[in-house]
Amino acid sequence: MSPDILTVAQMACADATTIAGGTPGFTLMQAAGRAVADAIVQRWSPRPVAVLCGPGNNGGDGWVVAQRLRAAGWPVTVASLVPPERLQGDAALAAQACLATWPGVGDGQPGWQTLAPQALQGAVLVVDALFGAGLSRALDGVAREVLDLAHVRGLPIVAVDVPSGVWGDDGQAEGAVVCALTVTFFRLKPAHALMPARALCGEVVVADIGISGDVLPTLGIQTWDNQPALWRGQWPQVDAAGHKYHRGHALVWSGPLMTGAARLSALAAARTGAGLTTVCVPQQAWAIHASALTCVMVHPVAGEGATQWQSGLESLLEDHRLSAVLIGPGAVGGTQPSGLKGLVLTVLASGRPVVLDADALTVFADDPALLFAAIAGHSRPVVLTPHEGEFARLFRDPSVGLTQNKLSRARAAAHLSGAVVLLKGADTVVATPDGRAAINRHAPPCLATAGAGDVLAGMILGLLAQGMPAWQAACAAVWLHGEAAAAFGPGLIADDLPGLIPQALKRLG
């Protein structure tokens, strides 16, 4: 499947360009309906089907589905929101073509019925061809009533393009119900990847309907499905003649109390390929780390407070062999907020790629501008990895618009901060200041466990240390994080994840 994700407007442009190039719109509609019918036949045996058709092209696709299923011997009922004679354009042609094959039409049998709950009588499968991705209002009226009834009865629903009630560009869903299968065309849309819509789509099939990939360069695509094709070309290559420093030296700062988070990050950085990993820690916690870590070095800094720790960290950062730095996991424990701010600013002044996670983000909640100014003055890439709570505390600027959809918020935050922003969740979004964004669908529910984010931050650090560009490193780490977790399944805890990374890398190839 291609990683490209198209907005509703971009998909309309792809359609229009194809039609202008000589392919009739009705041909595209026939191909779309055929793709839906084929997907149904591949998954279910013949059974009574209710095809629910709307007033536009989505409904036209539904009429083609009905015609194809009937031709294959399936019992089909069509229920339409509007009479076929009121349809326009290609949808009207599709309805006419379907009804022309309907036995008894013209002899007192209309071949269709008005959309109403009675349309589900006897149905074992439902095709939702009411409204497509262009809907930007709540689903209501009889359309909502009938789909709600289908859901209550437990009937499998197949959605054409998106479940009716889903907004294609932002993943909102008002009135939509859970579908077993969604068949869309040419490329994914944001709603197929963003929650809550993604959870309503069920299995998603992207069908080829005859639109050429040649139209893609004209569309200005800036959103992608996070999959290896997106970043595989930037994956760090191991030099057969190299040594550990050629693979990068990753540094993790640990606070003196909550030390487990930093250890998880350090192990993840090492497992992801960093040639050398060091945890920098206040002297009082050195023994805790040293007794728990073997392949990871532990560097103590003297002193009882953040001022002394900052001085020790500055001295360590003078080592030119250090490649990238992570600060945040377990960083606050024993440190006053002002002291942690100083440590973060010291790391940002180091001239190295930096990952800021957890405490290193929330400590700037009272002064985000201070952090963003430091990032702006930083010569190397910075990756911020907030979850929704941390994001809301740090990005309160009106330009981010906390009521916007996740994709828009992540983009606005990246633009405001000047950093790559990885907004975590079931639909993690990784956005750059210039507007590029990837949406991750490759994450099992078992990742919702304490410490998983610390492992993810360490994986990003390990890739940055090896020289991978920041956006690609963040995208790759998110995907591998999900790949590792999926191989384990239920019962996963964060301690398991670093040890699962090698097999995930092996499957990546």
Protein backbone atom coordinates (compact mmCIF):
# COMPACT_ATOMS: atom_id res chain seq x y z
CA MET A 1 0.00 0.00 0.00
CA SER A 2 1.30 3.45 -0.89
CA PRO A 3 2.13 5.68 2.10
CA ASP A 4 0.50 8.74 0.49
CA ILE A 5 -2.53 10.17 2.30
CA LEU A 6 -4.74 12.55 0.34
CA THR A 7 -7.11 15.16 1.66
CA VAL A 8 -10.64 15.24 0.29
CA ALA A 9 -9.69 18.17 -1.97
CA GLN A 10 -6.58 16.39 -3.25
CA MET A 11 -8.60 13.28 -4.04
CA ALA A 12 -11.15 15.40 -5.91
CA CYS A 13 -8.28 16.95 -7.86
CA ALA A 14 -6.92 13.48 -8.72
CA ASP A 15 -10.39 12.49 -9.97
CA ALA A 16 -10.76 15.69 -12.00
CA THR A 17 -7.30 15.36 -13.54
CA THR A 18 -8.01 11.78 -14.56
CA ILE A 19 -11.34 12.74 -16.10
CA ALA A 20 -9.74 15.67 -17.92
CA GLY A 21 -7.18 13.22 -19.29
CA GLY A 22 -9.91 11.24 -21.04
CA THR A 23 -11.23 8.74 -18.50
CA PRO A 24 -15.00 9.27 -18.05
CA GLY A 25 -16.19 9.80 -14.51
CA PHE A 26 -18.71 7.02 -14.98
CA THR A 27 -15.83 4.64 -15.74
CA LEU A 28 -14.22 5.56 -12.41
CA MET A 29 -17.56 5.04 -10.64
CA GLN A 30 -18.00 1.62 -12.21
CA ALA A 31 -14.49 0.65 -11.13
CA ALA A 32 -15.18 1.86 -7.58
CA GLY A 33 -18.41 -0.10 -7.30
CA ARG A 34 -16.78 -3.17 -8.79
CA ALA A 35 -13.95 -2.94 -6.22
CA VAL A 36 -16.44 -2.82 -3.34
CA ALA A 37 -18.45 -5.74 -4.72
CA ASP A 38 -15.28 -7.79 -5.26
CA ALA A 39 -14.13 -7.11 -1.69
CA ILE A 40 -17.50 -8.31 -0.39
CA VAL A 41 -17.50 -11.47 -2.49
CA GLN A 42 -13.97 -12.28 -1.29
CA ARG A 43 -15.03 -12.09 2.38
CA TRP A 44 -18.62 -13.33 2.54
CA SER A 45 -20.69 -16.04 0.91
CA PRO A 46 -23.88 -14.98 -0.91
CA ARG A 47 -26.51 -13.62 1.50
CA PRO A 48 -29.25 -10.96 1.55
CA VAL A 49 -27.70 -7.50 1.24
CA ALA A 50 -29.22 -4.08 1.83
CA VAL A 51 -27.39 -1.41 -0.19
CA LEU A 52 -28.05 2.06 1.23
CA CYS A 53 -27.50 4.78 -1.37
CA GLY A 54 -27.09 8.51 -0.81
CA PRO A 55 -27.77 11.47 -3.11
CA GLY A 56 -24.27 11.92 -4.56
CA ASN A 57 -21.41 9.99 -6.12
CA ASN A 58 -21.04 7.80 -3.03
CA GLY A 59 -24.60 6.68 -3.66
CA GLY A 60 -23.74 6.14 -7.32
CA ASP A 61 -20.98 3.75 -6.22
CA GLY A 62 -23.64 1.95 -4.18
CA TRP A 63 -25.87 1.45 -7.22
CA VAL A 64 -22.93 -0.16 -9.03
CA VAL A 65 -22.29 -2.41 -6.02
CA ALA A 66 -25.93 -3.51 -6.09
CA GLN A 67 -25.81 -4.27 -9.81
CA ARG A 68 -22.57 -6.28 -9.47
CA LEU A 69 -23.78 -8.32 -6.51
CA ARG A 70 -27.07 -9.10 -8.19
CA ALA A 71 -25.18 -10.26 -11.28
CA ALA A 72 -23.20 -12.59 -9.01
CA GLY A 73 -26.41 -14.12 -7.70
CA TRP A 74 -26.74 -12.32 -4.39
CA PRO A 75 -30.17 -11.25 -3.08
CA VAL A 76 -30.02 -7.44 -3.07
CA THR A 77 -32.28 -4.67 -1.82
CA VAL A 78 -31.53 -1.03 -2.66
CA ALA A 79 -32.73 1.74 -0.34
CA SER A 80 -32.12 5.28 -1.52
CA LEU A 81 -32.32 8.65 0.18
CA VAL A 82 -33.66 10.18 -3.03
CA PRO A 83 -35.60 8.80 -6.00
CA PRO A 84 -33.28 7.71 -8.84
CA GLU A 85 -34.83 10.29 -11.18
CA ARG A 86 -33.54 13.06 -8.93
CA LEU A 87 -29.93 11.89 -9.11
CA GLN A 88 -27.53 13.79 -11.33
CA GLY A 89 -24.45 13.08 -13.40
CA ASP A 90 -22.65 9.78 -13.02
CA ALA A 91 -24.80 8.73 -10.05
CA ALA A 92 -27.89 8.98 -12.26
CA LEU A 93 -26.21 6.85 -14.93
CA ALA A 94 -25.29 4.24 -12.31
CA ALA A 95 -28.85 4.02 -11.00
CA GLN A 96 -30.24 3.73 -14.52
CA ALA A 97 -27.77 0.99 -15.41
CA CYS A 98 -28.63 -0.93 -12.25
CA LEU A 99 -32.39 -0.65 -12.66
CA ALA A 100 -32.17 -1.66 -16.31
CA THR A 101 -31.08 -5.10 -15.14
CA TRP A 102 -33.68 -5.37 -12.36
CA PRO A 103 -36.44 -7.93 -13.10
CA GLY A 104 -39.92 -6.48 -13.11
CA VAL A 105 -38.88 -2.83 -13.29
CA GLY A 106 -41.35 -1.09 -15.56
CA ASP A 107 -44.06 -3.61 -14.66
CA GLY A 108 -45.08 -1.93 -11.46
CA GLN A 109 -41.90 -2.84 -9.57
CA PRO A 110 -39.58 0.12 -8.92
CA GLY A 111 -36.50 -1.98 -8.06
CA TRP A 112 -35.69 0.18 -5.05
CA GLN A 113 -37.30 1.55 -1.90
CA THR A 114 -37.08 4.77 0.05
CA LEU A 115 -34.51 4.66 2.83
CA ALA A 116 -36.26 3.67 6.05
CA PRO A 117 -35.70 1.16 8.86
CA GLN A 118 -37.83 -1.35 6.95
CA ALA A 119 -35.05 -1.51 4.34
CA LEU A 120 -33.06 -3.72 6.71
CA GLN A 121 -35.78 -6.37 6.86
CA GLY A 122 -34.23 -9.73 6.03
CA ALA A 123 -30.76 -8.24 5.44
CA VAL A 124 -27.71 -10.10 6.71
CA LEU A 125 -25.15 -7.62 5.32
CA VAL A 126 -25.36 -3.84 4.80
CA VAL A 127 -23.51 -1.64 2.31
CA ASP A 128 -23.21 1.97 3.50
CA ALA A 129 -23.03 4.13 0.36
CA LEU A 130 -24.86 7.09 1.88
CA PHE A 131 -22.17 9.78 2.35
CA GLY A 132 -18.47 9.84 1.54
CA ALA A 133 -15.44 11.61 2.97
CA GLY A 134 -16.65 15.06 1.95
CA LEU A 135 -19.33 15.17 4.65
CA SER A 136 -18.53 17.85 7.24
CA ARG A 137 -21.57 17.75 9.46
CA ALA A 138 -23.16 15.31 11.86
CA LEU A 139 -25.02 12.42 10.30
CA ASP A 140 -28.69 12.79 11.16
CA GLY A 141 -32.22 11.95 10.14
CA VAL A 142 -33.23 8.65 8.63
CA ALA A 143 -29.66 7.86 7.50
CA ARG A 144 -28.49 7.86 11.09
CA GLU A 145 -31.58 5.97 12.25
CA VAL A 146 -31.05 3.15 9.76
CA LEU A 147 -27.31 2.78 10.43
CA ASP A 148 -27.90 2.84 14.18
CA LEU A 149 -30.45 0.05 13.75
CA ALA A 150 -28.03 -2.00 11.64
CA HIS A 151 -25.41 -1.58 14.37
CA VAL A 152 -27.82 -2.59 17.14
CA ARG A 153 -28.80 -5.71 15.18
CA GLY A 154 -25.14 -6.65 14.80
CA LEU A 155 -25.23 -6.61 11.00
CA PRO A 156 -21.82 -6.38 9.32
CA ILE A 157 -21.55 -3.04 7.51
CA VAL A 158 -19.34 -2.35 4.50
CA ALA A 159 -18.56 1.34 4.02
CA VAL A 160 -17.89 2.90 0.64
CA ASP A 161 -14.97 5.35 1.00
CA VAL A 162 -15.60 6.07 4.72
CA PRO A 163 -18.36 5.19 7.18
CA SER A 164 -21.14 7.76 6.77
CA GLY A 165 -20.74 10.42 9.43
CA VAL A 166 -16.94 10.41 9.28
CA TRP A 167 -15.21 13.62 8.21
CA GLY A 168 -12.54 12.69 5.71
CA ASP A 169 -9.88 15.28 6.54
CA ASP A 170 -9.75 15.15 10.31
CA GLY A 171 -11.13 11.86 11.57
CA GLN A 172 -14.08 13.32 13.45
CA ALA A 173 -17.13 11.08 13.52
CA GLU A 174 -20.60 12.28 14.40
CA GLY A 175 -23.26 9.66 13.96
CA ALA A 176 -21.03 7.05 12.31
CA VAL A 177 -21.16 3.42 13.45
CA VAL A 178 -18.55 0.67 13.45
CA CYS A 179 -18.05 -1.03 10.10
CA ALA A 180 -16.53 -4.42 9.37
CA LEU A 181 -14.90 -3.24 6.15
CA THR A 182 -14.20 0.07 4.43
CA VAL A 183 -13.23 0.18 0.77
CA THR A 184 -11.65 3.42 -0.38
CA PHE A 185 -10.06 4.36 -3.67
CA PHE A 186 -6.59 5.24 -4.99
CA ARG A 187 -5.11 6.43 -1.68
CA LEU A 188 -5.96 6.65 2.03
CA LYS A 189 -7.49 9.79 3.51
CA PRO A 190 -6.66 11.21 6.95
CA ALA A 191 -9.84 9.71 8.42
CA HIS A 192 -8.59 6.20 7.68
CA ALA A 193 -5.60 6.83 9.98
CA LEU A 194 -6.84 9.26 12.65
CA MET A 195 -8.91 8.36 15.66
CA PRO A 196 -11.82 8.05 16.30
CA ALA A 197 -12.68 7.46 12.64
CA ARG A 198 -10.00 4.81 12.19
CA ALA A 199 -11.61 2.61 14.84
CA LEU A 200 -14.93 2.81 12.94
CA CYS A 201 -13.52 1.77 9.57
CA GLY A 202 -12.72 -1.84 10.39
CA GLU A 203 -10.53 -3.46 7.77
CA VAL A 204 -9.48 -0.87 5.18
CA VAL A 205 -8.95 -1.80 1.53
CA VAL A 206 -7.46 0.73 -0.89
CA ALA A 207 -8.67 -0.16 -4.38
CA ASP A 208 -7.17 0.77 -7.74
CA ILE A 209 -9.88 2.34 -9.88
CA GLY A 210 -7.74 3.54 -12.78
CA ILE A 211 -6.29 6.80 -11.45
CA SER A 212 -2.66 7.06 -12.48
CA GLY A 213 0.06 7.74 -9.94
CA ASP A 214 1.30 10.39 -12.38
CA VAL A 215 -1.17 12.84 -10.81
CA LEU A 216 0.53 12.66 -7.39
CA PRO A 217 3.34 15.20 -7.97
CA THR A 218 0.75 17.85 -8.79
CA LEU A 219 -1.17 17.43 -5.52
CA GLY A 220 1.30 18.87 -2.99
CA ILE A 221 1.06 15.86 -0.67
CA GLN A 222 2.29 16.52 2.87
CA THR A 223 0.67 13.68 4.82
CA TRP A 224 1.72 10.05 4.82
CA ASP A 225 0.85 6.75 6.43
CA ASN A 226 3.82 5.79 8.60
CA GLN A 227 5.29 2.71 6.99
CA PRO A 228 8.86 1.64 6.16
CA ALA A 229 8.65 2.91 2.57
CA LEU A 230 8.53 6.41 4.02
CA TRP A 231 11.91 6.27 5.82
CA ARG A 232 13.70 3.07 4.79
CA GLY A 233 16.03 4.96 2.46
CA GLN A 234 17.39 7.00 5.38
CA TRP A 235 18.03 4.01 7.64
CA PRO A 236 21.56 4.09 9.14
CA GLN A 237 23.99 1.84 7.31
CA VAL A 238 26.58 -0.11 9.28
CA ASP A 239 30.14 0.30 8.00
CA ALA A 240 31.87 -3.08 7.93
CA ALA A 241 35.16 -1.33 8.65
CA GLY A 242 33.74 0.96 11.31
CA HIS A 243 33.85 0.91 15.10
CA LYS A 244 31.40 1.75 17.88
CA TYR A 245 31.81 5.50 17.60
CA HIS A 246 30.94 5.32 13.91
CA ARG A 247 27.52 4.07 15.06
CA GLY A 248 27.07 7.01 17.41
CA HIS A 249 27.35 7.72 21.11
CA ALA A 250 23.94 8.30 22.74
CA LEU A 251 23.63 10.17 26.04
CA VAL A 252 20.66 9.95 28.43
CA TRP A 253 20.27 12.26 31.43
CA SER A 254 18.76 10.65 34.54
CA GLY A 255 17.34 12.36 37.59
CA PRO A 256 18.45 11.01 40.98
CA LEU A 257 15.19 9.37 42.05
CA MET A 258 13.00 7.95 39.25
CA THR A 259 15.86 6.11 37.58
CA GLY A 260 13.98 3.32 35.81
CA ALA A 261 12.74 5.55 33.00
CA ALA A 262 16.26 6.58 31.97
CA ARG A 263 17.43 2.97 32.00
CA LEU A 264 14.61 1.96 29.70
CA SER A 265 15.56 4.77 27.33
CA ALA A 266 19.25 3.87 27.41
CA LEU A 267 18.64 0.18 26.70
CA ALA A 268 16.31 1.11 23.84
CA ALA A 269 18.94 3.41 22.31
CA ALA A 270 21.51 0.63 22.48
CA ARG A 271 19.15 -1.97 21.02
CA THR A 272 18.22 0.37 18.18
CA GLY A 273 21.84 0.47 17.08
CA ALA A 274 23.73 3.20 18.91
CA GLY A 275 27.34 2.04 19.15
CA LEU A 276 27.74 3.37 22.66
CA THR A 277 25.21 4.57 25.23
CA THR A 278 25.86 6.51 28.42
CA VAL A 279 23.57 7.47 31.27
CA CYS A 280 24.64 10.69 32.99
CA VAL A 281 23.39 10.72 36.58
CA PRO A 282 23.92 12.60 39.87
CA GLN A 283 26.49 10.85 42.04
CA GLN A 284 23.91 9.74 44.63
CA ALA A 285 22.14 7.54 42.06
CA TRP A 286 25.25 6.18 40.35
CA ALA A 287 25.23 2.87 42.21
CA ILE A 288 21.60 2.20 41.30
CA HIS A 289 22.32 2.54 37.59
CA ALA A 290 25.72 0.86 37.70
CA SER A 291 24.29 -2.25 39.37
CA ALA A 292 21.47 -2.53 36.82
CA LEU A 293 23.26 -1.71 33.56
CA THR A 294 26.08 -3.64 31.94
CA CYS A 295 26.39 -2.69 28.27
CA VAL A 296 25.44 0.93 29.11
CA MET A 297 28.03 3.16 30.74
CA VAL A 298 27.09 5.25 33.78
CA HIS A 299 28.72 8.65 34.18
CA PRO A 300 28.30 10.29 37.62
CA VAL A 301 28.25 14.04 38.19
CA ALA A 302 29.18 15.40 41.57
CA GLY A 303 27.16 17.75 43.73
CA GLU A 304 23.88 17.92 45.58
CA GLY A 305 21.89 20.24 43.35
CA ALA A 306 21.04 21.20 39.81
CA THR A 307 23.69 23.91 39.55
CA GLN A 308 26.47 21.40 40.17
CA TRP A 309 24.79 18.79 37.96
CA GLN A 310 24.52 21.33 35.16
CA SER A 311 28.23 22.04 35.44
CA GLY A 312 29.02 18.33 35.30
CA LEU A 313 26.74 17.82 32.31
CA GLU A 314 28.42 20.73 30.50
CA SER A 315 31.81 19.12 31.06
CA LEU A 316 30.61 15.79 29.72
CA LEU A 317 29.11 17.46 26.65
CA GLU A 318 32.56 18.78 25.75
CA ASP A 319 33.34 15.25 24.52
CA HIS A 320 33.05 15.59 20.75
CA ARG A 321 32.27 11.87 20.41
CA LEU A 322 28.80 12.34 21.90
CA SER A 323 26.32 12.18 19.03
CA ALA A 324 22.83 12.86 20.44
CA VAL A 325 21.17 13.56 23.79
CA LEU A 326 17.89 12.62 25.48
CA ILE A 327 16.61 14.40 28.56
CA GLY A 328 13.22 14.05 30.22
CA PRO A 329 12.44 10.49 31.33
CA GLY A 330 12.53 10.53 35.13
CA ALA A 331 14.32 13.87 35.06
CA VAL A 332 12.38 15.88 37.66
CA GLY A 333 12.88 13.66 40.69
CA GLY A 334 15.05 15.56 43.19
CA THR A 335 15.38 18.55 40.87
CA GLN A 336 13.62 21.89 41.22
CA PRO A 337 11.85 22.94 38.02
CA SER A 338 14.24 25.86 37.51
CA GLY A 339 17.15 23.46 37.79
CA LEU A 340 15.71 21.11 35.20
CA LYS A 341 15.14 24.05 32.87
CA GLY A 342 18.84 24.82 33.14
CA LEU A 343 19.76 21.24 32.31
CA VAL A 344 17.50 21.26 29.24
CA LEU A 345 18.93 24.56 28.05
CA THR A 346 22.45 23.20 28.56
CA VAL A 347 21.62 20.21 26.36
CA LEU A 348 20.12 22.48 23.69
CA ALA A 349 23.26 24.60 23.73
CA SER A 350 25.42 21.55 23.05
CA GLY A 351 25.04 21.60 19.28
CA ARG A 352 23.82 18.00 19.09
CA PRO A 353 20.53 16.41 18.03
CA VAL A 354 18.25 16.37 21.07
CA VAL A 355 15.15 14.46 22.16
CA LEU A 356 13.00 16.17 24.81
CA ASP A 357 10.46 13.99 26.56
CA ALA A 358 8.21 13.98 29.63
CA ASP A 359 9.55 16.22 32.42
CA ALA A 360 11.77 18.17 30.01
CA LEU A 361 8.60 19.38 28.30
CA THR A 362 6.26 20.03 31.22
CA VAL A 363 8.89 22.00 33.12
CA PHE A 364 8.43 24.75 30.50
CA ALA A 365 4.63 24.87 30.85
CA ASP A 366 4.90 28.27 32.54
CA ASP A 367 7.25 29.68 29.88
CA PRO A 368 7.03 27.80 26.56
CA ALA A 369 8.60 30.75 24.74
CA LEU A 370 11.87 30.16 26.62
CA LEU A 371 12.05 26.61 25.29
CA PHE A 372 11.07 27.58 21.74
CA ALA A 373 13.69 30.35 21.68
CA ALA A 374 16.35 27.87 22.76
CA ILE A 375 15.26 25.47 20.01
CA ALA A 376 15.40 28.30 17.47
CA GLY A 377 18.99 29.01 18.50
CA HIS A 378 19.93 25.34 18.33
CA SER A 379 21.86 24.34 15.24
CA ARG A 380 20.78 20.68 15.20
CA PRO A 381 17.39 18.95 15.06
CA VAL A 382 15.17 18.65 18.12
CA VAL A 383 12.40 16.10 18.62
CA LEU A 384 9.62 16.69 21.16
CA THR A 385 7.61 13.64 22.24
CA PRO A 386 4.55 14.76 24.26
CA HIS A 387 1.46 12.76 25.04
CA GLU A 388 -1.83 14.66 24.94
CA GLY A 389 -1.58 15.94 28.52
CA GLU A 390 1.95 17.26 28.09
CA PHE A 391 1.00 18.73 24.74
CA ALA A 392 -1.91 20.67 26.23
CA ARG A 393 0.32 22.10 28.96
CA LEU A 394 3.12 23.17 26.62
CA PHE A 395 1.20 24.34 23.54
CA ARG A 396 -1.35 26.77 24.90
CA ASP A 397 -0.69 29.33 22.19
CA PRO A 398 -3.89 30.16 20.23
CA SER A 399 -2.09 29.39 16.96
CA VAL A 400 -2.02 25.70 17.90
CA GLY A 401 -5.77 25.54 18.47
CA LEU A 402 -6.26 22.82 21.04
CA THR A 403 -9.75 22.16 19.68
CA GLN A 404 -8.39 21.29 16.23
CA ASN A 405 -7.91 17.74 15.05
CA LYS A 406 -4.71 15.95 16.01
CA LEU A 407 -3.03 16.32 12.64
CA SER A 408 -3.56 20.08 12.55
CA ARG A 409 -2.43 20.51 16.17
CA ALA A 410 0.78 18.58 15.65
CA ARG A 411 1.60 20.60 12.54
CA ALA A 412 0.90 23.90 14.28
CA ALA A 413 3.00 22.88 17.30
CA ALA A 414 5.93 21.91 15.09
CA HIS A 415 5.73 25.24 13.29
CA LEU A 416 5.53 27.17 16.56
CA SER A 417 8.33 25.31 18.33
CA GLY A 418 10.69 24.81 15.42
CA ALA A 419 11.03 21.14 16.38
CA VAL A 420 9.81 17.83 15.07
CA VAL A 421 6.74 17.10 17.21
CA LEU A 422 5.73 13.52 17.92
CA LEU A 423 2.25 13.68 19.43
CA LYS A 424 1.73 10.26 20.98
CA GLY A 425 -1.36 8.09 21.10
CA ALA A 426 -3.10 5.29 19.25
CA ASP A 427 -2.78 7.50 16.15
CA THR A 428 0.64 9.06 16.82
CA VAL A 429 1.37 11.99 14.51
CA VAL A 430 4.94 13.04 13.65
CA ALA A 431 5.07 16.57 12.20
CA THR A 432 7.82 18.89 11.00
CA PRO A 433 7.99 22.71 11.09
CA ASP A 434 7.59 22.81 7.29
CA GLY A 435 4.26 20.94 7.42
CA ARG A 436 5.17 17.34 6.61
CA ALA A 437 3.37 14.81 8.76
CA ALA A 438 3.07 11.06 9.17
CA ILE A 439 0.23 9.27 10.95
CA ASN A 440 1.07 5.96 12.60
CA ARG A 441 -1.44 3.09 12.39
CA HIS A 442 1.10 0.47 13.46
CA ALA A 443 0.61 0.36 17.22
CA PRO A 444 -1.22 -2.35 19.20
CA PRO A 445 -3.29 -1.47 22.30
CA CYS A 446 -0.82 -3.30 24.57
CA LEU A 447 1.55 -0.33 24.17
CA ALA A 448 -0.65 1.61 26.60
CA THR A 449 1.61 0.70 29.50
CA ALA A 450 3.83 2.74 31.82
CA GLY A 451 7.34 3.25 30.48
CA ALA A 452 6.56 2.52 26.84
CA GLY A 453 7.09 6.20 26.02
CA ASP A 454 10.53 6.13 27.66
CA VAL A 455 11.48 3.24 25.38
CA LEU A 456 10.22 5.15 22.35
CA ALA A 457 12.26 8.22 23.27
CA GLY A 458 15.35 6.04 23.59
CA MET A 459 14.73 4.47 20.19
CA ILE A 460 14.57 7.92 18.58
CA LEU A 461 17.78 8.84 20.38
CA GLY A 462 19.53 5.72 19.08
CA LEU A 463 18.61 6.53 15.48
CA LEU A 464 19.58 10.20 15.81
CA ALA A 465 22.93 9.14 17.26
CA GLN A 466 23.53 7.12 14.09
CA GLY A 467 22.87 10.17 11.92
CA MET A 468 19.32 9.49 10.77
CA PRO A 469 17.37 12.71 9.97
CA ALA A 470 15.05 13.72 12.79
CA TRP A 471 11.65 13.28 11.12
CA GLN A 472 12.57 9.94 9.61
CA ALA A 473 14.14 8.81 12.91
CA ALA A 474 10.96 9.65 14.82
CA CYS A 475 8.75 7.93 12.24
CA ALA A 476 10.95 4.83 12.14
CA ALA A 477 11.09 4.58 15.93
CA VAL A 478 7.30 4.82 16.23
CA TRP A 479 6.82 2.07 13.65
CA LEU A 480 9.42 -0.24 15.21
CA HIS A 481 7.97 0.42 18.66
CA GLY A 482 4.63 -0.88 17.40
CA GLU A 483 6.25 -3.77 15.54
CA ALA A 484 8.08 -4.91 18.67
CA ALA A 485 4.94 -4.69 20.80
CA ALA A 486 2.76 -6.51 18.28
CA ALA A 487 5.11 -9.49 18.34
CA PHE A 488 4.60 -9.82 22.11
CA GLY A 489 0.92 -9.05 22.50
CA PRO A 490 -1.14 -8.96 25.72
CA GLY A 491 0.78 -8.83 28.96
CA LEU A 492 3.47 -6.54 27.55
CA ILE A 493 5.29 -4.27 29.99
CA ALA A 494 7.89 -1.66 29.13
CA ASP A 495 10.71 -3.83 30.44
CA ASP A 496 9.96 -6.30 27.63
CA LEU A 497 10.28 -3.78 24.82
CA PRO A 498 14.06 -3.24 24.50
CA GLY A 499 14.62 -6.99 24.18
CA LEU A 500 11.99 -7.18 21.42
CA ILE A 501 13.69 -4.55 19.25
CA PRO A 502 16.25 -6.89 17.58
CA GLN A 503 13.55 -9.16 16.19
CA ALA A 504 11.60 -6.16 14.96
CA LEU A 505 14.75 -4.95 13.19
CA LYS A 506 15.23 -8.40 11.71
CA ARG A 507 11.68 -8.38 10.32
CA LEU A 508 12.32 -4.93 8.88
CA GLY A 509 15.14 -6.53 6.89
